[in-house]
Amino acid sequence: APGKQREFVADITSNGRTSYADSVK
């Protein structure tokens, strides 16, 4: 976001395991 650092949102491994930031869960 403007004026903020880049932050993690979500990711997924090649076998389908997912992770999310608390703000978007």
mmCIF file of all heavy atoms, coordinates in Angstrom:
data_MODEL
# 
_entry.id   MODEL 
# 
loop_
_atom_site.group_PDB 
_atom_site.id 
_atom_site.type_symbol 
_atom_site.label_atom_id 
_atom_site.label_alt_id 
_atom_site.label_comp_id 
_atom_site.label_asym_id 
_atom_site.label_entity_id 
_atom_site.label_seq_id 
_atom_site.pdbx_PDB_ins_code 
_atom_site.Cartn_x 
_atom_site.Cartn_y 
_atom_site.Cartn_z 
_atom_site.occupancy 
_atom_site.B_iso_or_equiv 
_atom_site.pdbx_formal_charge 
_atom_site.auth_seq_id 
_atom_site.auth_comp_id 
_atom_site.auth_asym_id 
_atom_site.auth_atom_id 
_atom_site.pdbx_PDB_model_num 
ATOM 1   N N   . ALA A 1 1  ? 0.846   -1.185  0.000  1.00 0.00 ? 1  ALA A N   1 
ATOM 2   C CA  . ALA A 1 1  ? 0.000   0.000   0.000  1.00 0.00 ? 1  ALA A CA  1 
ATOM 3   C C   . ALA A 1 1  ? 0.890   1.248   0.000  1.00 0.00 ? 1  ALA A C   1 
ATOM 4   O O   . ALA A 1 1  ? 2.058   1.179   0.412  1.00 0.00 ? 1  ALA A O   1 
ATOM 5   C CB  . ALA A 1 1  ? -0.911  -0.005  1.220  1.00 0.00 ? 1  ALA A CB  1 
ATOM 6   N N   . PRO A 1 2  ? 0.355   2.385   -0.432 1.00 0.00 ? 2  PRO A N   1 
ATOM 7   C CA  . PRO A 1 2  ? 1.161   3.618   -0.460 1.00 0.00 ? 2  PRO A CA  1 
ATOM 8   C C   . PRO A 1 2  ? 1.743   3.938   0.912  1.00 0.00 ? 2  PRO A C   1 
ATOM 9   O O   . PRO A 1 2  ? 1.031   3.929   1.922  1.00 0.00 ? 2  PRO A O   1 
ATOM 10  C CB  . PRO A 1 2  ? 0.144   4.674   -0.897 1.00 0.00 ? 2  PRO A CB  1 
ATOM 11  C CG  . PRO A 1 2  ? -0.876  3.928   -1.670 1.00 0.00 ? 2  PRO A CG  1 
ATOM 12  C CD  . PRO A 1 2  ? -0.980  2.584   -1.000 1.00 0.00 ? 2  PRO A CD  1 
ATOM 13  N N   . GLY A 1 3  ? 3.037   4.188   0.957  1.00 0.00 ? 3  GLY A N   1 
ATOM 14  C CA  . GLY A 1 3  ? 3.698   4.554   2.201  1.00 0.00 ? 3  GLY A CA  1 
ATOM 15  C C   . GLY A 1 3  ? 3.964   3.407   3.147  1.00 0.00 ? 3  GLY A C   1 
ATOM 16  O O   . GLY A 1 3  ? 4.421   3.624   4.273  1.00 0.00 ? 3  GLY A O   1 
ATOM 17  N N   . LYS A 1 4  ? 3.675   2.186   2.708  1.00 0.00 ? 4  LYS A N   1 
ATOM 18  C CA  . LYS A 1 4  ? 3.881   1.024   3.579  1.00 0.00 ? 4  LYS A CA  1 
ATOM 19  C C   . LYS A 1 4  ? 4.833   0.028   2.932  1.00 0.00 ? 4  LYS A C   1 
ATOM 20  O O   . LYS A 1 4  ? 5.062   0.056   1.723  1.00 0.00 ? 4  LYS A O   1 
ATOM 21  C CB  . LYS A 1 4  ? 2.548   0.347   3.885  1.00 0.00 ? 4  LYS A CB  1 
ATOM 22  C CG  . LYS A 1 4  ? 1.601   1.203   4.699  1.00 0.00 ? 4  LYS A CG  1 
ATOM 23  C CD  . LYS A 1 4  ? 0.380   0.409   5.118  1.00 0.00 ? 4  LYS A CD  1 
ATOM 24  C CE  . LYS A 1 4  ? -0.537  1.228   5.998  1.00 0.00 ? 4  LYS A CE  1 
ATOM 25  N NZ  . LYS A 1 4  ? -1.729  0.441   6.442  1.00 0.00 ? 4  LYS A NZ  1 
ATOM 26  N N   . GLN A 1 5  ? 5.358   -0.877  3.750  1.00 0.00 ? 5  GLN A N   1 
ATOM 27  C CA  . GLN A 1 5  ? 6.233   -1.919  3.236  1.00 0.00 ? 5  GLN A CA  1 
ATOM 28  C C   . GLN A 1 5  ? 5.410   -3.018  2.568  1.00 0.00 ? 5  GLN A C   1 
ATOM 29  O O   . GLN A 1 5  ? 4.229   -3.216  2.877  1.00 0.00 ? 5  GLN A O   1 
ATOM 30  C CB  . GLN A 1 5  ? 7.065   -2.508  4.374  1.00 0.00 ? 5  GLN A CB  1 
ATOM 31  C CG  . GLN A 1 5  ? 8.110   -1.561  4.933  1.00 0.00 ? 5  GLN A CG  1 
ATOM 32  C CD  . GLN A 1 5  ? 9.040   -2.248  5.920  1.00 0.00 ? 5  GLN A CD  1 
ATOM 33  O OE1 . GLN A 1 5  ? 8.666   -3.213  6.565  1.00 0.00 ? 5  GLN A OE1 1 
ATOM 34  N NE2 . GLN A 1 5  ? 10.260  -1.753  6.013  1.00 0.00 ? 5  GLN A NE2 1 
ATOM 35  N N   . ARG A 1 6  ? 6.063   -3.716  1.661  1.00 0.00 ? 6  ARG A N   1 
ATOM 36  C CA  . ARG A 1 6  ? 5.410   -4.862  1.034  1.00 0.00 ? 6  ARG A CA  1 
ATOM 37  C C   . ARG A 1 6  ? 5.162   -5.924  2.093  1.00 0.00 ? 6  ARG A C   1 
ATOM 38  O O   . ARG A 1 6  ? 6.023   -6.200  2.940  1.00 0.00 ? 6  ARG A O   1 
ATOM 39  C CB  . ARG A 1 6  ? 6.291   -5.406  -0.088 1.00 0.00 ? 6  ARG A CB  1 
ATOM 40  C CG  . ARG A 1 6  ? 5.612   -6.430  -0.972 1.00 0.00 ? 6  ARG A CG  1 
ATOM 41  C CD  . ARG A 1 6  ? 6.475   -6.791  -2.167 1.00 0.00 ? 6  ARG A CD  1 
ATOM 42  N NE  . ARG A 1 6  ? 6.711   -5.641  -3.029 1.00 0.00 ? 6  ARG A NE  1 
ATOM 43  C CZ  . ARG A 1 6  ? 7.316   -5.734  -4.220 1.00 0.00 ? 6  ARG A CZ  1 
ATOM 44  N NH1 . ARG A 1 6  ? 7.720   -6.924  -4.679 1.00 0.00 ? 6  ARG A NH1 1 
ATOM 45  N NH2 . ARG A 1 6  ? 7.515   -4.652  -4.942 1.00 0.00 ? 6  ARG A NH2 1 
ATOM 46  N N   . GLU A 1 7  ? 3.967   -6.539  2.034  1.00 0.00 ? 7  GLU A N   1 
ATOM 47  C CA  . GLU A 1 7  ? 3.607   -7.527  3.043  1.00 0.00 ? 7  GLU A CA  1 
ATOM 48  C C   . GLU A 1 7  ? 3.078   -8.809  2.398  1.00 0.00 ? 7  GLU A C   1 
ATOM 49  O O   . GLU A 1 7  ? 2.505   -8.785  1.306  1.00 0.00 ? 7  GLU A O   1 
ATOM 50  C CB  . GLU A 1 7  ? 2.559   -6.973  4.011  1.00 0.00 ? 7  GLU A CB  1 
ATOM 51  C CG  . GLU A 1 7  ? 1.230   -6.626  3.377  1.00 0.00 ? 7  GLU A CG  1 
ATOM 52  C CD  . GLU A 1 7  ? 0.188   -6.154  4.400  1.00 0.00 ? 7  GLU A CD  1 
ATOM 53  O OE1 . GLU A 1 7  ? 0.544   -5.938  5.569  1.00 0.00 ? 7  GLU A OE1 1 
ATOM 54  O OE2 . GLU A 1 7  ? -0.984  -6.016  4.006  1.00 0.00 ? 7  GLU A OE2 1 
ATOM 55  N N   . PHE A 1 8  ? 3.242   -9.881  3.123  1.00 0.00 ? 8  PHE A N   1 
ATOM 56  C CA  . PHE A 1 8  ? 2.773   -11.191 2.687  1.00 0.00 ? 8  PHE A CA  1 
ATOM 57  C C   . PHE A 1 8  ? 1.245   -11.242 2.731  1.00 0.00 ? 8  PHE A C   1 
ATOM 58  O O   . PHE A 1 8  ? 0.628   -10.739 3.680  1.00 0.00 ? 8  PHE A O   1 
ATOM 59  C CB  . PHE A 1 8  ? 3.366   -12.258 3.601  1.00 0.00 ? 8  PHE A CB  1 
ATOM 60  C CG  . PHE A 1 8  ? 2.769   -13.624 3.444  1.00 0.00 ? 8  PHE A CG  1 
ATOM 61  C CD1 . PHE A 1 8  ? 3.116   -14.427 2.368  1.00 0.00 ? 8  PHE A CD1 1 
ATOM 62  C CD2 . PHE A 1 8  ? 1.860   -14.117 4.378  1.00 0.00 ? 8  PHE A CD2 1 
ATOM 63  C CE1 . PHE A 1 8  ? 2.585   -15.688 2.218  1.00 0.00 ? 8  PHE A CE1 1 
ATOM 64  C CE2 . PHE A 1 8  ? 1.320   -15.377 4.244  1.00 0.00 ? 8  PHE A CE2 1 
ATOM 65  C CZ  . PHE A 1 8  ? 1.679   -16.167 3.162  1.00 0.00 ? 8  PHE A CZ  1 
ATOM 66  N N   . VAL A 1 9  ? 0.645   -11.861 1.707  1.00 0.00 ? 9  VAL A N   1 
ATOM 67  C CA  . VAL A 1 9  ? -0.802  -12.062 1.679  1.00 0.00 ? 9  VAL A CA  1 
ATOM 68  C C   . VAL A 1 9  ? -1.130  -13.560 1.788  1.00 0.00 ? 9  VAL A C   1 
ATOM 69  O O   . VAL A 1 9  ? -1.858  -13.979 2.687  1.00 0.00 ? 9  VAL A O   1 
ATOM 70  C CB  . VAL A 1 9  ? -1.416  -11.484 0.396  1.00 0.00 ? 9  VAL A CB  1 
ATOM 71  C CG1 . VAL A 1 9  ? -2.912  -11.795 0.327  1.00 0.00 ? 9  VAL A CG1 1 
ATOM 72  C CG2 . VAL A 1 9  ? -1.183  -9.985  0.313  1.00 0.00 ? 9  VAL A CG2 1 
ATOM 73  N N   . ALA A 1 10 ? -0.604  -14.344 0.868  1.00 0.00 ? 10 ALA A N   1 
ATOM 74  C CA  . ALA A 1 10 ? -0.883  -15.772 0.854  1.00 0.00 ? 10 ALA A CA  1 
ATOM 75  C C   . ALA A 1 10 ? 0.106   -16.468 -0.060 1.00 0.00 ? 10 ALA A C   1 
ATOM 76  O O   . ALA A 1 10 ? 0.664   -15.840 -0.972 1.00 0.00 ? 10 ALA A O   1 
ATOM 77  C CB  . ALA A 1 10 ? -2.313  -16.046 0.361  1.00 0.00 ? 10 ALA A CB  1 
ATOM 78  N N   . ASP A 1 11 ? 0.336   -17.771 0.209  1.00 0.00 ? 11 ASP A N   1 
ATOM 79  C CA  . ASP A 1 11 ? 1.112   -18.555 -0.732 1.00 0.00 ? 11 ASP A CA  1 
ATOM 80  C C   . ASP A 1 11 ? 0.636   -19.993 -0.755 1.00 0.00 ? 11 ASP A C   1 
ATOM 81  O O   . ASP A 1 11 ? -0.162  -20.420 0.088  1.00 0.00 ? 11 ASP A O   1 
ATOM 82  C CB  . ASP A 1 11 ? 2.626   -18.434 -0.502 1.00 0.00 ? 11 ASP A CB  1 
ATOM 83  C CG  . ASP A 1 11 ? 3.094   -19.026 0.819  1.00 0.00 ? 11 ASP A CG  1 
ATOM 84  O OD1 . ASP A 1 11 ? 2.370   -19.849 1.418  1.00 0.00 ? 11 ASP A OD1 1 
ATOM 85  O OD2 . ASP A 1 11 ? 4.212   -18.660 1.252  1.00 0.00 ? 11 ASP A OD2 1 
ATOM 86  N N   . ILE A 1 12 ? 1.123   -20.720 -1.758 1.00 0.00 ? 12 ILE A N   1 
ATOM 87  C CA  . ILE A 1 12 ? 0.697   -22.103 -1.954 1.00 0.00 ? 12 ILE A CA  1 
ATOM 88  C C   . ILE A 1 12 ? 1.872   -22.885 -2.529 1.00 0.00 ? 12 ILE A C   1 
ATOM 89  O O   . ILE A 1 12 ? 2.541   -22.438 -3.460 1.00 0.00 ? 12 ILE A O   1 
ATOM 90  C CB  . ILE A 1 12 ? -0.548  -22.172 -2.870 1.00 0.00 ? 12 ILE A CB  1 
ATOM 91  C CG1 . ILE A 1 12 ? -1.046  -23.604 -3.024 1.00 0.00 ? 12 ILE A CG1 1 
ATOM 92  C CG2 . ILE A 1 12 ? -0.289  -21.523 -4.227 1.00 0.00 ? 12 ILE A CG2 1 
ATOM 93  C CD1 . ILE A 1 12 ? -2.433  -23.703 -3.667 1.00 0.00 ? 12 ILE A CD1 1 
ATOM 94  N N   . THR A 1 13 ? 2.128   -24.054 -1.965 1.00 0.00 ? 13 THR A N   1 
ATOM 95  C CA  . THR A 1 13 ? 3.202   -24.900 -2.452 1.00 0.00 ? 13 THR A CA  1 
ATOM 96  C C   . THR A 1 13 ? 2.741   -25.680 -3.684 1.00 0.00 ? 13 THR A C   1 
ATOM 97  O O   . THR A 1 13 ? 1.550   -25.717 -4.005 1.00 0.00 ? 13 THR A O   1 
ATOM 98  C CB  . THR A 1 13 ? 3.653   -25.888 -1.372 1.00 0.00 ? 13 THR A CB  1 
ATOM 99  O OG1 . THR A 1 13 ? 2.582   -26.803 -1.114 1.00 0.00 ? 13 THR A OG1 1 
ATOM 100 C CG2 . THR A 1 13 ? 4.023   -25.170 -0.078 1.00 0.00 ? 13 THR A CG2 1 
ATOM 101 N N   . SER A 1 14 ? 3.681   -26.320 -4.343 1.00 0.00 ? 14 SER A N   1 
ATOM 102 C CA  . SER A 1 14 ? 3.348   -27.070 -5.550 1.00 0.00 ? 14 SER A CA  1 
ATOM 103 C C   . SER A 1 14 ? 2.463   -28.287 -5.235 1.00 0.00 ? 14 SER A C   1 
ATOM 104 O O   . SER A 1 14 ? 1.798   -28.808 -6.124 1.00 0.00 ? 14 SER A O   1 
ATOM 105 C CB  . SER A 1 14 ? 4.613   -27.512 -6.283 1.00 0.00 ? 14 SER A CB  1 
ATOM 106 O OG  . SER A 1 14 ? 5.529   -28.114 -5.405 1.00 0.00 ? 14 SER A OG  1 
ATOM 107 N N   . ASN A 1 15 ? 2.432   -28.711 -3.960 1.00 0.00 ? 15 ASN A N   1 
ATOM 108 C CA  . ASN A 1 15 ? 1.530   -29.812 -3.594 1.00 0.00 ? 15 ASN A CA  1 
ATOM 109 C C   . ASN A 1 15 ? 0.257   -29.321 -2.906 1.00 0.00 ? 15 ASN A C   1 
ATOM 110 O O   . ASN A 1 15 ? -0.498  -30.106 -2.337 1.00 0.00 ? 15 ASN A O   1 
ATOM 111 C CB  . ASN A 1 15 ? 2.239   -30.860 -2.747 1.00 0.00 ? 15 ASN A CB  1 
ATOM 112 C CG  . ASN A 1 15 ? 2.755   -30.314 -1.430 1.00 0.00 ? 15 ASN A CG  1 
ATOM 113 O OD1 . ASN A 1 15 ? 2.469   -29.174 -1.081 1.00 0.00 ? 15 ASN A OD1 1 
ATOM 114 N ND2 . ASN A 1 15 ? 3.516   -31.109 -0.709 1.00 0.00 ? 15 ASN A ND2 1 
ATOM 115 N N   . GLY A 1 16 ? 0.038   -28.000 -2.923 1.00 0.00 ? 16 GLY A N   1 
ATOM 116 C CA  . GLY A 1 16 ? -1.248  -27.464 -2.501 1.00 0.00 ? 16 GLY A CA  1 
ATOM 117 C C   . GLY A 1 16 ? -1.365  -26.963 -1.072 1.00 0.00 ? 16 GLY A C   1 
ATOM 118 O O   . GLY A 1 16 ? -2.458  -26.580 -0.644 1.00 0.00 ? 16 GLY A O   1 
ATOM 119 N N   . ARG A 1 17 ? -0.290  -26.938 -0.324 1.00 0.00 ? 17 ARG A N   1 
ATOM 120 C CA  . ARG A 1 17 ? -0.372  -26.421 1.037  1.00 0.00 ? 17 ARG A CA  1 
ATOM 121 C C   . ARG A 1 17 ? -0.418  -24.895 0.998  1.00 0.00 ? 17 ARG A C   1 
ATOM 122 O O   . ARG A 1 17 ? 0.392   -24.264 0.330  1.00 0.00 ? 17 ARG A O   1 
ATOM 123 C CB  . ARG A 1 17 ? 0.827   -26.884 1.863  1.00 0.00 ? 17 ARG A CB  1 
ATOM 124 C CG  . ARG A 1 17 ? 0.700   -26.557 3.344  1.00 0.00 ? 17 ARG A CG  1 
ATOM 125 C CD  . ARG A 1 17 ? 1.846   -27.120 4.142  1.00 0.00 ? 17 ARG A CD  1 
ATOM 126 N NE  . ARG A 1 17 ? 3.088   -26.421 3.830  1.00 0.00 ? 17 ARG A NE  1 
ATOM 127 C CZ  . ARG A 1 17 ? 4.197   -27.040 3.483  1.00 0.00 ? 17 ARG A CZ  1 
ATOM 128 N NH1 . ARG A 1 17 ? 4.230   -28.346 3.375  1.00 0.00 ? 17 ARG A NH1 1 
ATOM 129 N NH2 . ARG A 1 17 ? 5.283   -26.336 3.219  1.00 0.00 ? 17 ARG A NH2 1 
ATOM 130 N N   . THR A 1 18 ? -1.353  -24.330 1.752  1.00 0.00 ? 18 THR A N   1 
ATOM 131 C CA  . THR A 1 18 ? -1.570  -22.883 1.706  1.00 0.00 ? 18 THR A CA  1 
ATOM 132 C C   . THR A 1 18 ? -1.237  -22.205 3.029  1.00 0.00 ? 18 THR A C   1 
ATOM 133 O O   . THR A 1 18 ? -1.310  -22.819 4.102  1.00 0.00 ? 18 THR A O   1 
ATOM 134 C CB  . THR A 1 18 ? -3.025  -22.560 1.341  1.00 0.00 ? 18 THR A CB  1 
ATOM 135 O OG1 . THR A 1 18 ? -3.898  -23.134 2.321  1.00 0.00 ? 18 THR A OG1 1 
ATOM 136 C CG2 . THR A 1 18 ? -3.392  -23.120 -0.031 1.00 0.00 ? 18 THR A CG2 1 
ATOM 137 N N   . SER A 1 19 ? -0.895  -20.926 2.940  1.00 0.00 ? 19 SER A N   1 
ATOM 138 C CA  . SER A 1 19 ? -0.685  -20.081 4.114  1.00 0.00 ? 19 SER A CA  1 
ATOM 139 C C   . SER A 1 19 ? -1.294  -18.720 3.828  1.00 0.00 ? 19 SER A C   1 
ATOM 140 O O   . SER A 1 19 ? -1.279  -18.268 2.681  1.00 0.00 ? 19 SER A O   1 
ATOM 141 C CB  . SER A 1 19 ? 0.818   -19.904 4.405  1.00 0.00 ? 19 SER A CB  1 
ATOM 142 O OG  . SER A 1 19 ? 1.435   -21.122 4.700  1.00 0.00 ? 19 SER A OG  1 
ATOM 143 N N   . TYR A 1 20 ? -1.813  -18.078 4.879  1.00 0.00 ? 20 TYR A N   1 
ATOM 144 C CA  . TYR A 1 20 ? -2.465  -16.780 4.719  1.00 0.00 ? 20 TYR A CA  1 
ATOM 145 C C   . TYR A 1 20 ? -2.030  -15.814 5.815  1.00 0.00 ? 20 TYR A C   1 
ATOM 146 O O   . TYR A 1 20 ? -1.778  -16.226 6.950  1.00 0.00 ? 20 TYR A O   1 
ATOM 147 C CB  . TYR A 1 20 ? -3.989  -16.925 4.802  1.00 0.00 ? 20 TYR A CB  1 
ATOM 148 C CG  . TYR A 1 20 ? -4.608  -17.713 3.686  1.00 0.00 ? 20 TYR A CG  1 
ATOM 149 C CD1 . TYR A 1 20 ? -4.844  -19.078 3.818  1.00 0.00 ? 20 TYR A CD1 1 
ATOM 150 C CD2 . TYR A 1 20 ? -4.972  -17.094 2.490  1.00 0.00 ? 20 TYR A CD2 1 
ATOM 151 C CE1 . TYR A 1 20 ? -5.418  -19.811 2.783  1.00 0.00 ? 20 TYR A CE1 1 
ATOM 152 C CE2 . TYR A 1 20 ? -5.544  -17.819 1.453  1.00 0.00 ? 20 TYR A CE2 1 
ATOM 153 C CZ  . TYR A 1 20 ? -5.762  -19.171 1.607  1.00 0.00 ? 20 TYR A CZ  1 
ATOM 154 O OH  . TYR A 1 20 ? -6.327  -19.892 0.583  1.00 0.00 ? 20 TYR A OH  1 
ATOM 155 N N   . ALA A 1 21 ? -2.010  -14.552 5.470  1.00 0.00 ? 21 ALA A N   1 
ATOM 156 C CA  . ALA A 1 21 ? -1.859  -13.528 6.489  1.00 0.00 ? 21 ALA A CA  1 
ATOM 157 C C   . ALA A 1 21 ? -3.144  -13.470 7.303  1.00 0.00 ? 21 ALA A C   1 
ATOM 158 O O   . ALA A 1 21 ? -4.244  -13.716 6.783  1.00 0.00 ? 21 ALA A O   1 
ATOM 159 C CB  . ALA A 1 21 ? -1.601  -12.172 5.829  1.00 0.00 ? 21 ALA A CB  1 
ATOM 160 N N   . ASP A 1 22 ? -3.021  -13.142 8.591  1.00 0.00 ? 22 ASP A N   1 
ATOM 161 C CA  . ASP A 1 22 ? -4.213  -13.096 9.447  1.00 0.00 ? 22 ASP A CA  1 
ATOM 162 C C   . ASP A 1 22 ? -5.247  -12.103 8.922  1.00 0.00 ? 22 ASP A C   1 
ATOM 163 O O   . ASP A 1 22 ? -6.456  -12.315 9.074  1.00 0.00 ? 22 ASP A O   1 
ATOM 164 C CB  . ASP A 1 22 ? -3.801  -12.696 10.861 1.00 0.00 ? 22 ASP A CB  1 
ATOM 165 C CG  . ASP A 1 22 ? -3.066  -13.809 11.592 1.00 0.00 ? 22 ASP A CG  1 
ATOM 166 O OD1 . ASP A 1 22 ? -3.156  -14.972 11.152 1.00 0.00 ? 22 ASP A OD1 1 
ATOM 167 O OD2 . ASP A 1 22 ? -2.406  -13.513 12.607 1.00 0.00 ? 22 ASP A OD2 1 
ATOM 168 N N   . SER A 1 23 ? -4.790  -11.037 8.303  1.00 0.00 ? 23 SER A N   1 
ATOM 169 C CA  . SER A 1 23 ? -5.691  -9.984  7.849  1.00 0.00 ? 23 SER A CA  1 
ATOM 170 C C   . SER A 1 23 ? -6.604  -10.420 6.703  1.00 0.00 ? 23 SER A C   1 
ATOM 171 O O   . SER A 1 23 ? -7.612  -9.752  6.434  1.00 0.00 ? 23 SER A O   1 
ATOM 172 C CB  . SER A 1 23 ? -4.888  -8.760  7.414  1.00 0.00 ? 23 SER A CB  1 
ATOM 173 O OG  . SER A 1 23 ? -3.999  -9.099  6.365  1.00 0.00 ? 23 SER A OG  1 
ATOM 174 N N   . VAL A 1 24 ? -6.272  -11.528 6.036  1.00 0.00 ? 24 VAL A N   1 
ATOM 175 C CA  . VAL A 1 24 ? -7.088  -11.954 4.896  1.00 0.00 ? 24 VAL A CA  1 
ATOM 176 C C   . VAL A 1 24 ? -7.729  -13.324 5.103  1.00 0.00 ? 24 VAL A C   1 
ATOM 177 O O   . VAL A 1 24 ? -8.506  -13.780 4.257  1.00 0.00 ? 24 VAL A O   1 
ATOM 178 C CB  . VAL A 1 24 ? -6.270  -11.957 3.587  1.00 0.00 ? 24 VAL A CB  1 
ATOM 179 C CG1 . VAL A 1 24 ? -5.611  -10.604 3.362  1.00 0.00 ? 24 VAL A CG1 1 
ATOM 180 C CG2 . VAL A 1 24 ? -5.239  -13.075 3.560  1.00 0.00 ? 24 VAL A CG2 1 
ATOM 181 N N   . LYS A 1 25 ? -7.415  -13.985 6.213  1.00 0.00 ? 25 LYS A N   1 
ATOM 182 C CA  . LYS A 1 25 ? -7.981  -15.316 6.463  1.00 0.00 ? 25 LYS A CA  1 
ATOM 183 C C   . LYS A 1 25 ? -9.505  -15.258 6.467  1.00 0.00 ? 25 LYS A C   1 
ATOM 184 O O   . LYS A 1 25 ? -10.106 -14.373 7.082  1.00 0.00 ? 25 LYS A O   1 
ATOM 185 C CB  . LYS A 1 25 ? -7.479  -15.853 7.798  1.00 0.00 ? 25 LYS A CB  1 
ATOM 186 C CG  . LYS A 1 25 ? -6.090  -16.450 7.744  1.00 0.00 ? 25 LYS A CG  1 
ATOM 187 C CD  . LYS A 1 25 ? -5.679  -16.997 9.106  1.00 0.00 ? 25 LYS A CD  1 
ATOM 188 C CE  . LYS A 1 25 ? -4.269  -17.564 9.047  1.00 0.00 ? 25 LYS A CE  1 
ATOM 189 N NZ  . LYS A 1 25 ? -3.806  -18.033 10.379 1.00 0.00 ? 25 LYS A NZ  1 
# 
